[in-house]
Protein backbone atom coordinates (compact mmCIF):
# COMPACT_ATOMS: atom_id res chain seq x y z
CA UNK A 1 -30.80 58.28 -31.92
CA UNK A 2 -29.02 56.90 -34.95
CA UNK A 3 -27.23 53.56 -34.83
CA UNK A 4 -24.04 54.43 -32.96
CA UNK A 5 -21.23 51.90 -32.64
CA UNK A 6 -18.16 53.29 -30.92
CA UNK A 7 -14.78 51.64 -31.35
CA UNK A 8 -12.38 52.56 -28.54
CA UNK A 9 -8.98 51.76 -30.00
CA UNK A 10 -7.10 49.24 -27.90
CA UNK A 11 -3.32 49.49 -27.87
CA UNK A 12 -2.64 48.98 -24.16
CA UNK A 13 -3.42 52.51 -22.95
CA UNK A 14 -4.37 52.79 -19.29
CA UNK A 15 -7.54 54.85 -19.64
CA UNK A 16 -9.34 52.77 -22.25
CA UNK A 17 -11.53 51.15 -19.57
CA UNK A 18 -12.59 54.48 -18.06
CA UNK A 19 -13.73 55.74 -21.48
CA UNK A 20 -15.63 52.48 -22.03
CA UNK A 21 -17.28 52.73 -18.60
CA UNK A 22 -18.41 56.30 -19.30
CA UNK A 23 -19.97 55.30 -22.63
CA UNK A 24 -21.65 52.37 -20.92
CA UNK A 25 -23.15 54.67 -18.28
CA UNK A 26 -24.40 56.95 -21.05
CA UNK A 27 -26.03 53.92 -22.76
CA UNK A 28 -23.92 53.96 -25.92
CA UNK A 29 -22.84 50.75 -27.62
CA UNK A 30 -19.04 50.57 -27.45
CA UNK A 31 -16.30 48.03 -27.98
CA UNK A 32 -12.63 48.09 -26.99
CA UNK A 33 -10.75 46.67 -29.95
CA UNK A 34 -7.81 46.92 -32.32
CA UNK A 35 -9.45 44.52 -34.77
CA UNK A 36 -9.75 45.86 -38.32
CA UNK A 37 -13.28 44.50 -38.76
CA UNK A 38 -14.45 46.31 -35.60
CA UNK A 39 -12.88 49.54 -36.83
CA UNK A 40 -14.66 49.12 -40.18
CA UNK A 41 -17.96 48.32 -38.44
CA UNK A 42 -17.85 51.38 -36.18
CA UNK A 43 -19.65 54.69 -36.64
CA UNK A 44 -17.33 56.65 -34.29
CA UNK A 45 -13.71 56.07 -33.25
CA UNK A 46 -12.08 57.17 -29.99
CA UNK A 47 -8.35 56.98 -29.26
CA UNK A 48 -7.65 57.47 -25.54
CA UNK A 49 -4.12 57.88 -24.29
CA UNK A 50 -1.98 58.12 -21.19
CA UNK A 51 1.79 57.81 -21.07
CA UNK A 52 4.52 59.10 -23.36
CA UNK A 53 4.29 60.07 -27.03
CA UNK A 54 7.01 57.70 -28.24
CA UNK A 55 5.77 54.61 -26.40
CA UNK A 56 2.16 55.31 -27.44
CA UNK A 57 2.84 55.78 -31.16
CA UNK A 58 5.00 52.63 -31.18
CA UNK A 59 2.19 50.57 -29.60
CA UNK A 60 -0.39 52.07 -31.96
CA UNK A 61 1.67 51.12 -35.01
CA UNK A 62 2.24 47.62 -33.60
CA UNK A 63 -1.35 46.95 -32.56
CA UNK A 64 -3.51 48.83 -35.08
CA UNK A 65 -3.59 48.76 -38.88
CA UNK A 66 -2.99 52.50 -39.26
CA UNK A 67 -3.52 52.58 -43.05
CA UNK A 68 -6.98 51.11 -42.58
CA UNK A 69 -7.67 53.48 -39.68
CA UNK A 70 -6.64 56.46 -41.79
CA UNK A 71 -8.92 55.31 -44.61
CA UNK A 72 -11.91 55.00 -42.26
CA UNK A 73 -11.33 58.49 -40.89
CA UNK A 74 -9.94 60.52 -43.78
CA UNK A 75 -11.79 58.87 -46.68
CA UNK A 76 -14.98 57.56 -45.07
CA UNK A 77 -15.06 60.57 -42.73
CA UNK A 78 -15.97 58.75 -39.54
CA UNK A 79 -15.88 61.08 -36.52
CA UNK A 80 -12.62 60.58 -34.60
CA UNK A 81 -11.75 61.80 -31.09
CA UNK A 82 -8.21 61.65 -29.69
CA UNK A 83 -7.88 62.12 -25.93
CA UNK A 84 -4.68 63.37 -24.22
CA UNK A 85 -1.80 61.45 -25.85
CA UNK A 86 -4.43 60.26 -28.34
CA UNK A 87 -4.63 63.88 -29.45
CA UNK A 88 -0.87 64.46 -29.39
CA UNK A 89 -0.01 61.58 -31.73
CA UNK A 90 -2.05 63.30 -34.46
CA UNK A 91 0.96 65.64 -34.81
CA UNK A 92 3.91 65.30 -37.20
CA UNK A 93 6.42 64.92 -34.38
CA UNK A 94 6.65 64.62 -30.61
CA UNK A 95 9.68 65.55 -28.50
CA UNK A 96 9.08 63.61 -25.29
CA UNK A 97 12.23 61.58 -24.47
CA UNK A 98 13.65 62.02 -27.94
CA UNK A 99 12.14 62.79 -31.33
CA UNK A 100 9.30 60.60 -32.60
CA UNK A 101 7.14 60.67 -35.73
CA UNK A 102 3.40 60.90 -35.12
CA UNK A 103 0.54 60.07 -37.46
CA UNK A 104 0.88 63.46 -39.19
CA UNK A 105 -2.88 63.99 -39.59
CA UNK A 106 -2.62 67.54 -38.21
CA UNK A 107 0.55 69.55 -38.82
CA UNK A 108 2.46 70.51 -35.70
CA UNK A 109 4.82 69.43 -32.95
CA UNK A 110 4.26 68.19 -29.40
CA UNK A 111 6.60 70.04 -27.06
CA UNK A 112 7.15 70.43 -23.32
CA UNK A 113 5.03 73.05 -21.57
CA UNK A 114 7.10 75.95 -20.26
CA UNK A 115 5.94 75.90 -16.65
CA UNK A 116 7.75 75.79 -13.31
CA UNK A 117 5.78 72.82 -12.01
CA UNK A 118 5.04 69.76 -14.13
CA UNK A 119 2.99 67.75 -14.76
CA UNK A 120 0.02 70.03 -15.24
CA UNK A 121 -2.49 68.06 -13.19
CA UNK A 122 -6.03 68.77 -12.04
CA UNK A 123 -8.84 71.08 -13.05
CA UNK A 124 -8.32 73.98 -15.42
CA UNK A 125 -10.62 75.95 -17.67
CA UNK A 126 -10.69 76.10 -21.44
CA UNK A 127 -11.09 79.25 -23.47
CA UNK A 128 -13.16 78.42 -26.52
CA UNK A 129 -11.49 80.06 -29.51
CA UNK A 130 -13.76 78.73 -32.23
CA UNK A 131 -17.22 77.21 -32.07
CA UNK A 132 -17.23 73.49 -32.67
CA UNK A 133 -19.99 70.86 -32.50
CA UNK A 134 -18.22 69.12 -29.60
CA UNK A 135 -18.66 72.34 -27.56
CA UNK A 136 -22.42 72.61 -28.16
CA UNK A 137 -24.12 73.87 -24.96
CA UNK A 138 -20.76 74.06 -23.15
CA UNK A 139 -20.08 77.48 -21.68
CA UNK A 140 -16.76 79.22 -22.22
CA UNK A 141 -14.21 78.87 -19.38
CA UNK A 142 -15.66 75.57 -18.18
CA UNK A 143 -13.26 73.36 -16.21
CA UNK A 144 -11.92 70.05 -17.47
CA UNK A 145 -9.46 67.59 -15.91
CA UNK A 146 -5.88 67.68 -17.22
CA UNK A 147 -2.79 65.53 -16.75
CA UNK A 148 0.01 66.55 -19.10
CA UNK A 149 3.54 67.91 -19.35
CA UNK A 150 3.54 68.31 -23.14
CA UNK A 151 1.22 70.18 -25.47
CA UNK A 152 0.40 70.20 -29.19
CA UNK A 153 1.85 73.24 -30.98
CA UNK A 154 -0.53 73.23 -33.96
CA UNK A 155 0.87 74.83 -37.11
CA UNK A 156 -2.46 76.11 -38.47
CA UNK A 157 -3.87 78.18 -35.60
CA UNK A 158 -7.28 78.18 -37.30
CA UNK A 159 -7.61 74.53 -36.29
CA UNK A 160 -7.36 75.36 -32.56
CA UNK A 161 -10.83 75.32 -31.01
CA UNK A 162 -9.81 75.89 -27.38
CA UNK A 163 -6.78 77.02 -25.38
CA UNK A 164 -5.76 76.67 -21.76
CA UNK A 165 -3.19 78.57 -19.72
CA UNK A 166 -0.65 76.81 -17.54
CA UNK A 167 2.69 78.60 -17.47
CA UNK A 168 1.87 79.57 -21.05
CA UNK A 169 -1.18 79.25 -23.25
CA UNK A 170 -1.41 75.96 -25.12
CA UNK A 171 -3.87 74.24 -27.44
CA UNK A 172 -6.34 72.19 -25.38
CA UNK A 173 -8.61 71.15 -28.27
CA UNK A 174 -8.21 70.92 -32.03
CA UNK A 175 -10.49 70.14 -34.95
CA UNK A 176 -9.70 69.36 -38.57
CA UNK A 177 -12.89 68.39 -40.39
CA UNK A 178 -14.13 65.19 -38.69
CA UNK A 179 -10.93 64.78 -36.64
CA UNK A 180 -11.11 66.09 -33.05
CA UNK A 181 -8.49 66.09 -30.32
CA UNK A 182 -8.68 67.17 -26.68
CA UNK A 183 -5.73 67.47 -24.32
CA UNK A 184 -7.96 67.10 -21.26
CA UNK A 185 -9.79 63.96 -20.10
CA UNK A 186 -13.55 64.21 -20.73
CA UNK A 187 -14.02 60.80 -19.09
CA UNK A 188 -12.76 62.36 -15.82
CA UNK A 189 -14.47 65.74 -16.26
CA UNK A 190 -17.87 64.93 -14.76
CA UNK A 191 -21.00 66.39 -16.38
CA UNK A 192 -19.18 68.74 -18.73
CA UNK A 193 -17.03 65.90 -20.04
CA UNK A 194 -20.12 63.74 -20.47
CA UNK A 195 -21.76 66.50 -22.50
CA UNK A 196 -18.71 66.77 -24.75
CA UNK A 197 -18.82 63.00 -25.39
CA UNK A 198 -22.55 63.17 -26.14
CA UNK A 199 -21.89 66.04 -28.57
CA UNK A 200 -19.20 64.01 -30.32
CA UNK A 201 -21.49 61.00 -30.69
CA UNK A 202 -24.19 63.15 -32.29
CA UNK A 203 -21.89 63.81 -35.26
């Protein structure tokens, strides 16, 4: 195993600890931090997220040096994984309680799911649309744990690597080069979620 140092970005999100605990159980070296030197020193970067788009992007901009983060990911090409809201803020804009600008790393908009009952909570399967290294040895239609009312409407459909149906079909995972995002929570998705994290850390 190569020298893996995971930086779990700390901006006050509620599920940072659960991601850290999973990595710890899997025997990976991880740190929860928003410190620029820790981000620079990392080999992989994970951005967990629970809560609303607007509040999350505001905290991220307040707590993390986003220009440095973008340089580490887009220029140095460190593998990046956004989870739930951590995926959604990759978009240009989010429309949860108003209109908010995201990081704009992947073109698209985060919009409310058209379903009779929200939030979408619990186990649901993913339909793999495009093979991706994070899905290595994961069978199509495997279940993952979801908790969301909004979904990422990705402009370039070729970047969508899995979809899920709840009321309507929405993007449940996206990949643009070394940037990955998943709407579901791998840290709550038992063995399949653990496999996805292991796959990500092999990159």
